[in-house]
N, C-alpha and C. Protein backbone atom coordinates (compact mmCIF):
# COMPACT_ATOMS: atom_id res chain seq x y z
N MET A 1 111.44 -216.44 -35.91
CA MET A 1 111.99 -215.41 -36.74
C MET A 1 111.50 -215.61 -38.17
N PHE A 2 111.13 -214.52 -38.81
CA PHE A 2 110.68 -214.56 -40.21
C PHE A 2 111.88 -214.83 -41.10
N GLN A 3 111.72 -215.76 -42.04
CA GLN A 3 112.80 -216.09 -42.97
C GLN A 3 112.53 -215.43 -44.31
N ILE A 4 113.44 -214.62 -44.77
CA ILE A 4 113.30 -213.98 -46.08
C ILE A 4 113.33 -215.04 -47.18
N ASN A 5 114.15 -216.06 -46.99
CA ASN A 5 114.22 -217.17 -47.94
C ASN A 5 113.52 -218.37 -47.32
N PRO A 6 112.35 -218.74 -47.84
CA PRO A 6 111.60 -219.85 -47.27
C PRO A 6 112.28 -221.19 -47.52
N ASN A 7 111.79 -222.21 -46.84
CA ASN A 7 112.30 -223.56 -47.05
C ASN A 7 112.14 -223.93 -48.53
N PRO A 8 113.07 -224.70 -49.07
CA PRO A 8 113.00 -225.05 -50.49
C PRO A 8 111.87 -226.03 -50.84
N THR A 9 111.32 -226.69 -49.84
CA THR A 9 110.19 -227.61 -50.09
C THR A 9 109.13 -227.43 -49.01
N PHE A 10 107.93 -227.88 -49.32
CA PHE A 10 106.84 -227.91 -48.33
C PHE A 10 105.97 -229.11 -48.64
N THR A 11 105.31 -229.62 -47.61
CA THR A 11 104.52 -230.85 -47.74
C THR A 11 103.06 -230.56 -47.47
N THR A 12 102.20 -231.17 -48.27
CA THR A 12 100.76 -231.05 -48.06
C THR A 12 100.08 -232.31 -48.57
N THR A 13 98.88 -232.56 -48.07
CA THR A 13 98.10 -233.70 -48.51
C THR A 13 97.06 -233.22 -49.52
N VAL A 14 97.02 -233.92 -50.65
CA VAL A 14 96.14 -233.57 -51.75
C VAL A 14 95.03 -234.60 -51.84
N ASP A 15 93.79 -234.15 -52.00
CA ASP A 15 92.65 -235.05 -52.22
C ASP A 15 92.58 -235.36 -53.71
N ILE A 16 92.87 -236.61 -54.05
CA ILE A 16 92.87 -237.05 -55.45
C ILE A 16 91.51 -237.67 -55.75
N PRO A 17 90.79 -237.13 -56.74
CA PRO A 17 89.49 -237.72 -57.10
C PRO A 17 89.68 -239.15 -57.62
N ALA A 18 88.81 -240.03 -57.15
CA ALA A 18 88.85 -241.44 -57.56
C ALA A 18 87.47 -241.85 -58.04
N ALA A 19 87.44 -242.96 -58.75
CA ALA A 19 86.17 -243.47 -59.28
C ALA A 19 85.16 -243.69 -58.16
N GLY A 20 83.90 -243.52 -58.47
CA GLY A 20 82.84 -243.74 -57.50
C GLY A 20 82.62 -242.57 -56.56
N GLY A 21 83.15 -241.41 -56.91
CA GLY A 21 82.94 -240.23 -56.07
C GLY A 21 83.82 -240.19 -54.83
N ARG A 22 84.77 -241.09 -54.74
CA ARG A 22 85.68 -241.10 -53.59
C ARG A 22 86.86 -240.17 -53.83
N THR A 23 87.64 -239.95 -52.79
CA THR A 23 88.92 -239.28 -52.93
C THR A 23 89.97 -240.12 -52.21
N GLU A 24 91.17 -240.06 -52.71
CA GLU A 24 92.32 -240.71 -52.08
C GLU A 24 93.26 -239.61 -51.61
N LYS A 25 93.86 -239.80 -50.46
CA LYS A 25 94.80 -238.83 -49.90
C LYS A 25 96.21 -239.14 -50.41
N LEU A 26 96.87 -238.14 -50.95
CA LEU A 26 98.24 -238.27 -51.44
C LEU A 26 99.07 -237.16 -50.82
N THR A 27 100.04 -237.52 -49.99
CA THR A 27 100.90 -236.54 -49.34
C THR A 27 102.11 -236.30 -50.22
N LEU A 28 102.23 -235.06 -50.68
CA LEU A 28 103.28 -234.68 -51.60
C LEU A 28 104.21 -233.65 -50.98
N THR A 29 105.48 -233.73 -51.33
CA THR A 29 106.44 -232.70 -51.00
C THR A 29 106.65 -231.90 -52.27
N PHE A 30 106.33 -230.62 -52.19
CA PHE A 30 106.42 -229.73 -53.33
C PHE A 30 107.69 -228.89 -53.27
N LYS A 31 108.15 -228.45 -54.43
CA LYS A 31 109.28 -227.54 -54.54
C LYS A 31 108.76 -226.10 -54.48
N HIS A 32 109.39 -225.31 -53.64
CA HIS A 32 109.01 -223.90 -53.54
C HIS A 32 109.51 -223.15 -54.78
N LYS A 33 108.72 -222.22 -55.26
CA LYS A 33 109.13 -221.34 -56.36
C LYS A 33 108.93 -219.89 -55.90
N THR A 34 109.73 -219.00 -56.44
CA THR A 34 109.51 -217.58 -56.17
C THR A 34 108.19 -217.17 -56.82
N ARG A 35 107.72 -216.00 -56.46
CA ARG A 35 106.47 -215.49 -57.02
C ARG A 35 106.53 -215.46 -58.54
N ASP A 36 107.57 -214.86 -59.08
CA ASP A 36 107.68 -214.74 -60.54
C ASP A 36 107.78 -216.10 -61.21
N ASP A 37 108.58 -217.00 -60.65
CA ASP A 37 108.71 -218.34 -61.23
C ASP A 37 107.39 -219.11 -61.14
N ALA A 38 106.69 -218.96 -60.02
CA ALA A 38 105.41 -219.65 -59.86
C ALA A 38 104.37 -219.13 -60.86
N LEU A 39 104.29 -217.81 -61.02
CA LEU A 39 103.34 -217.26 -61.98
C LEU A 39 103.64 -217.72 -63.39
N GLU A 40 104.91 -217.76 -63.74
CA GLU A 40 105.30 -218.24 -65.07
C GLU A 40 104.90 -219.71 -65.24
N TYR A 41 105.15 -220.51 -64.21
CA TYR A 41 104.80 -221.93 -64.27
C TYR A 41 103.28 -222.12 -64.36
N LEU A 42 102.55 -221.42 -63.52
CA LEU A 42 101.10 -221.60 -63.46
C LEU A 42 100.39 -221.10 -64.71
N ARG A 43 100.97 -220.14 -65.38
CA ARG A 43 100.35 -219.57 -66.58
C ARG A 43 100.82 -220.21 -67.89
N ARG A 44 101.86 -221.00 -67.80
CA ARG A 44 102.46 -221.58 -69.00
C ARG A 44 101.52 -222.58 -69.67
N PRO A 45 101.30 -222.43 -70.95
CA PRO A 45 100.50 -223.44 -71.65
C PRO A 45 101.33 -224.71 -71.82
N THR A 46 100.66 -225.84 -71.80
CA THR A 46 101.39 -227.08 -72.01
C THR A 46 101.79 -227.19 -73.46
N GLY A 47 103.00 -227.59 -73.68
CA GLY A 47 103.52 -227.69 -75.03
C GLY A 47 103.42 -229.11 -75.57
N GLU A 48 103.60 -229.23 -76.85
CA GLU A 48 103.59 -230.55 -77.46
C GLU A 48 104.75 -231.35 -76.89
N GLY A 49 104.48 -232.61 -76.63
CA GLY A 49 105.51 -233.48 -76.10
C GLY A 49 105.62 -233.44 -74.58
N GLU A 50 104.94 -232.52 -73.94
CA GLU A 50 104.94 -232.45 -72.48
C GLU A 50 103.74 -233.20 -71.94
N ASP A 51 104.00 -234.25 -71.20
CA ASP A 51 102.89 -234.96 -70.59
C ASP A 51 102.67 -234.44 -69.17
N ASP A 52 101.56 -234.85 -68.56
CA ASP A 52 101.23 -234.34 -67.22
C ASP A 52 102.32 -234.67 -66.21
N ALA A 53 102.88 -235.87 -66.29
CA ALA A 53 103.92 -236.25 -65.33
C ALA A 53 105.13 -235.32 -65.45
N SER A 54 105.52 -234.99 -66.67
CA SER A 54 106.67 -234.09 -66.87
C SER A 54 106.41 -232.72 -66.26
N ILE A 55 105.21 -232.22 -66.47
CA ILE A 55 104.85 -230.91 -65.94
C ILE A 55 104.83 -230.94 -64.41
N LEU A 56 104.27 -232.00 -63.84
CA LEU A 56 104.19 -232.11 -62.39
C LEU A 56 105.55 -232.33 -61.74
N LEU A 57 106.47 -232.97 -62.45
CA LEU A 57 107.81 -233.18 -61.89
C LEU A 57 108.54 -231.87 -61.63
N GLU A 58 108.11 -230.80 -62.26
CA GLU A 58 108.72 -229.49 -62.02
C GLU A 58 108.38 -228.95 -60.63
N ILE A 59 107.30 -229.46 -60.04
CA ILE A 59 106.88 -228.94 -58.74
C ILE A 59 106.87 -229.98 -57.63
N ILE A 60 106.95 -231.27 -57.96
CA ILE A 60 106.90 -232.32 -56.94
C ILE A 60 108.30 -232.84 -56.68
N ALA A 61 108.68 -232.86 -55.41
CA ALA A 61 109.99 -233.38 -55.01
C ALA A 61 109.90 -234.82 -54.50
N GLY A 62 108.72 -235.25 -54.07
CA GLY A 62 108.57 -236.60 -53.54
C GLY A 62 107.19 -236.80 -52.94
N TRP A 63 106.98 -237.99 -52.38
CA TRP A 63 105.71 -238.28 -51.72
C TRP A 63 105.94 -239.18 -50.53
N GLU A 64 104.91 -239.30 -49.70
CA GLU A 64 104.96 -240.11 -48.48
C GLU A 64 103.82 -241.12 -48.50
N ASP A 65 104.06 -242.27 -47.87
CA ASP A 65 103.04 -243.30 -47.67
C ASP A 65 102.38 -243.73 -48.97
N VAL A 66 103.19 -244.02 -49.98
CA VAL A 66 102.71 -244.52 -51.27
C VAL A 66 103.36 -245.88 -51.47
N ASP A 67 102.66 -246.79 -52.12
CA ASP A 67 103.16 -248.14 -52.29
C ASP A 67 104.22 -248.28 -53.39
N ALA A 68 104.76 -247.18 -53.86
CA ALA A 68 105.84 -247.19 -54.83
C ALA A 68 106.77 -246.02 -54.54
N GLU A 69 108.06 -246.21 -54.82
CA GLU A 69 109.02 -245.13 -54.66
C GLU A 69 108.71 -244.03 -55.68
N PHE A 70 108.93 -242.79 -55.27
CA PHE A 70 108.66 -241.67 -56.17
C PHE A 70 109.59 -241.72 -57.37
N SER A 71 109.00 -241.66 -58.56
CA SER A 71 109.76 -241.63 -59.81
C SER A 71 108.83 -241.12 -60.90
N ARG A 72 109.40 -240.79 -62.03
CA ARG A 72 108.61 -240.37 -63.19
C ARG A 72 107.60 -241.46 -63.56
N GLU A 73 108.04 -242.69 -63.57
CA GLU A 73 107.17 -243.80 -63.95
C GLU A 73 106.01 -243.97 -62.97
N ALA A 74 106.32 -243.88 -61.68
CA ALA A 74 105.26 -244.03 -60.67
C ALA A 74 104.28 -242.86 -60.73
N LEU A 75 104.80 -241.65 -60.92
CA LEU A 75 103.92 -240.49 -61.05
C LEU A 75 103.04 -240.63 -62.29
N ASN A 76 103.60 -241.13 -63.37
CA ASN A 76 102.81 -241.34 -64.58
C ASN A 76 101.70 -242.36 -64.33
N GLN A 77 101.96 -243.38 -63.51
CA GLN A 77 100.91 -244.34 -63.16
C GLN A 77 99.78 -243.66 -62.41
N VAL A 78 100.12 -242.77 -61.50
CA VAL A 78 99.09 -242.02 -60.77
C VAL A 78 98.25 -241.22 -61.75
N VAL A 79 98.92 -240.52 -62.67
CA VAL A 79 98.22 -239.70 -63.67
C VAL A 79 97.31 -240.57 -64.52
N GLN A 80 97.78 -241.74 -64.93
CA GLN A 80 96.99 -242.62 -65.79
C GLN A 80 95.82 -243.27 -65.04
N ASN A 81 96.05 -243.64 -63.79
CA ASN A 81 95.02 -244.35 -63.02
C ASN A 81 94.02 -243.44 -62.33
N TYR A 82 94.39 -242.18 -62.15
CA TYR A 82 93.51 -241.19 -61.51
C TYR A 82 93.47 -239.96 -62.41
N PRO A 83 92.59 -239.94 -63.40
CA PRO A 83 92.56 -238.85 -64.38
C PRO A 83 92.40 -237.45 -63.79
N GLY A 84 91.80 -237.33 -62.62
CA GLY A 84 91.64 -236.02 -61.99
C GLY A 84 92.85 -235.59 -61.17
N ALA A 85 93.86 -236.44 -61.07
CA ALA A 85 95.02 -236.14 -60.23
C ALA A 85 95.80 -234.91 -60.67
N PRO A 86 96.11 -234.77 -61.96
CA PRO A 86 96.91 -233.59 -62.33
C PRO A 86 96.29 -232.27 -61.91
N ARG A 87 95.00 -232.09 -62.15
CA ARG A 87 94.33 -230.84 -61.78
C ARG A 87 94.32 -230.67 -60.27
N ALA A 88 94.04 -231.75 -59.53
CA ALA A 88 94.00 -231.67 -58.07
C ALA A 88 95.38 -231.29 -57.51
N ILE A 89 96.43 -231.87 -58.05
CA ILE A 89 97.79 -231.59 -57.60
C ILE A 89 98.17 -230.15 -57.94
N PHE A 90 97.90 -229.75 -59.16
CA PHE A 90 98.19 -228.40 -59.63
C PHE A 90 97.48 -227.37 -58.76
N ASP A 91 96.18 -227.58 -58.51
CA ASP A 91 95.40 -226.64 -57.69
C ASP A 91 95.91 -226.58 -56.25
N ALA A 92 96.26 -227.74 -55.69
CA ALA A 92 96.77 -227.77 -54.31
C ALA A 92 98.10 -227.03 -54.22
N TYR A 93 98.95 -227.22 -55.20
CA TYR A 93 100.24 -226.53 -55.22
C TYR A 93 100.04 -225.01 -55.25
N ALA A 94 99.21 -224.57 -56.16
CA ALA A 94 98.96 -223.12 -56.29
C ALA A 94 98.40 -222.55 -54.99
N ALA A 95 97.44 -223.23 -54.40
CA ALA A 95 96.82 -222.74 -53.17
C ALA A 95 97.82 -222.71 -52.02
N GLU A 96 98.60 -223.75 -51.87
CA GLU A 96 99.57 -223.80 -50.77
C GLU A 96 100.69 -222.79 -50.98
N LEU A 97 101.19 -222.67 -52.18
CA LEU A 97 102.28 -221.74 -52.46
C LEU A 97 101.85 -220.30 -52.18
N MET A 98 100.61 -219.99 -52.52
CA MET A 98 100.10 -218.63 -52.32
C MET A 98 99.54 -218.42 -50.90
N GLY A 99 99.62 -219.47 -50.08
CA GLY A 99 99.19 -219.35 -48.69
C GLY A 99 97.68 -219.41 -48.50
N GLN A 100 96.99 -220.00 -49.44
CA GLN A 100 95.53 -220.11 -49.37
C GLN A 100 95.16 -221.50 -48.87
N ARG A 101 94.99 -221.62 -47.60
CA ARG A 101 94.63 -222.91 -47.01
C ARG A 101 93.26 -223.35 -47.49
N ARG A 102 93.18 -224.65 -47.83
CA ARG A 102 91.90 -225.20 -48.27
C ARG A 102 91.13 -225.67 -47.05
N GLY A 103 89.80 -225.56 -47.13
CA GLY A 103 88.95 -226.02 -46.04
C GLY A 103 88.73 -227.52 -46.12
N ASN A 104 88.07 -228.06 -45.10
CA ASN A 104 87.79 -229.51 -45.07
C ASN A 104 86.74 -229.89 -46.06
């Protein structure tokens, strides 16, 4: 049966760019947003005092198979250690939310 109100979260695996041309797999549980809320979030310019972890915490509810419990501090470590992570996470969220499956 089609649900007018979708599940409040969804899970997907994000390819995080790593040094040496590699990628690391990070399985994230994202928070669902309505169309209007998502467009506002995706178009919003980053403000002063907002770091990448703070912005990502608005859409990430948790993660799986990571060597640290999900927290602001752990997410900030990911952002600091993998500079391409914020863009990869942001792009994966937008694609999944809009139903645009990424290819292999």
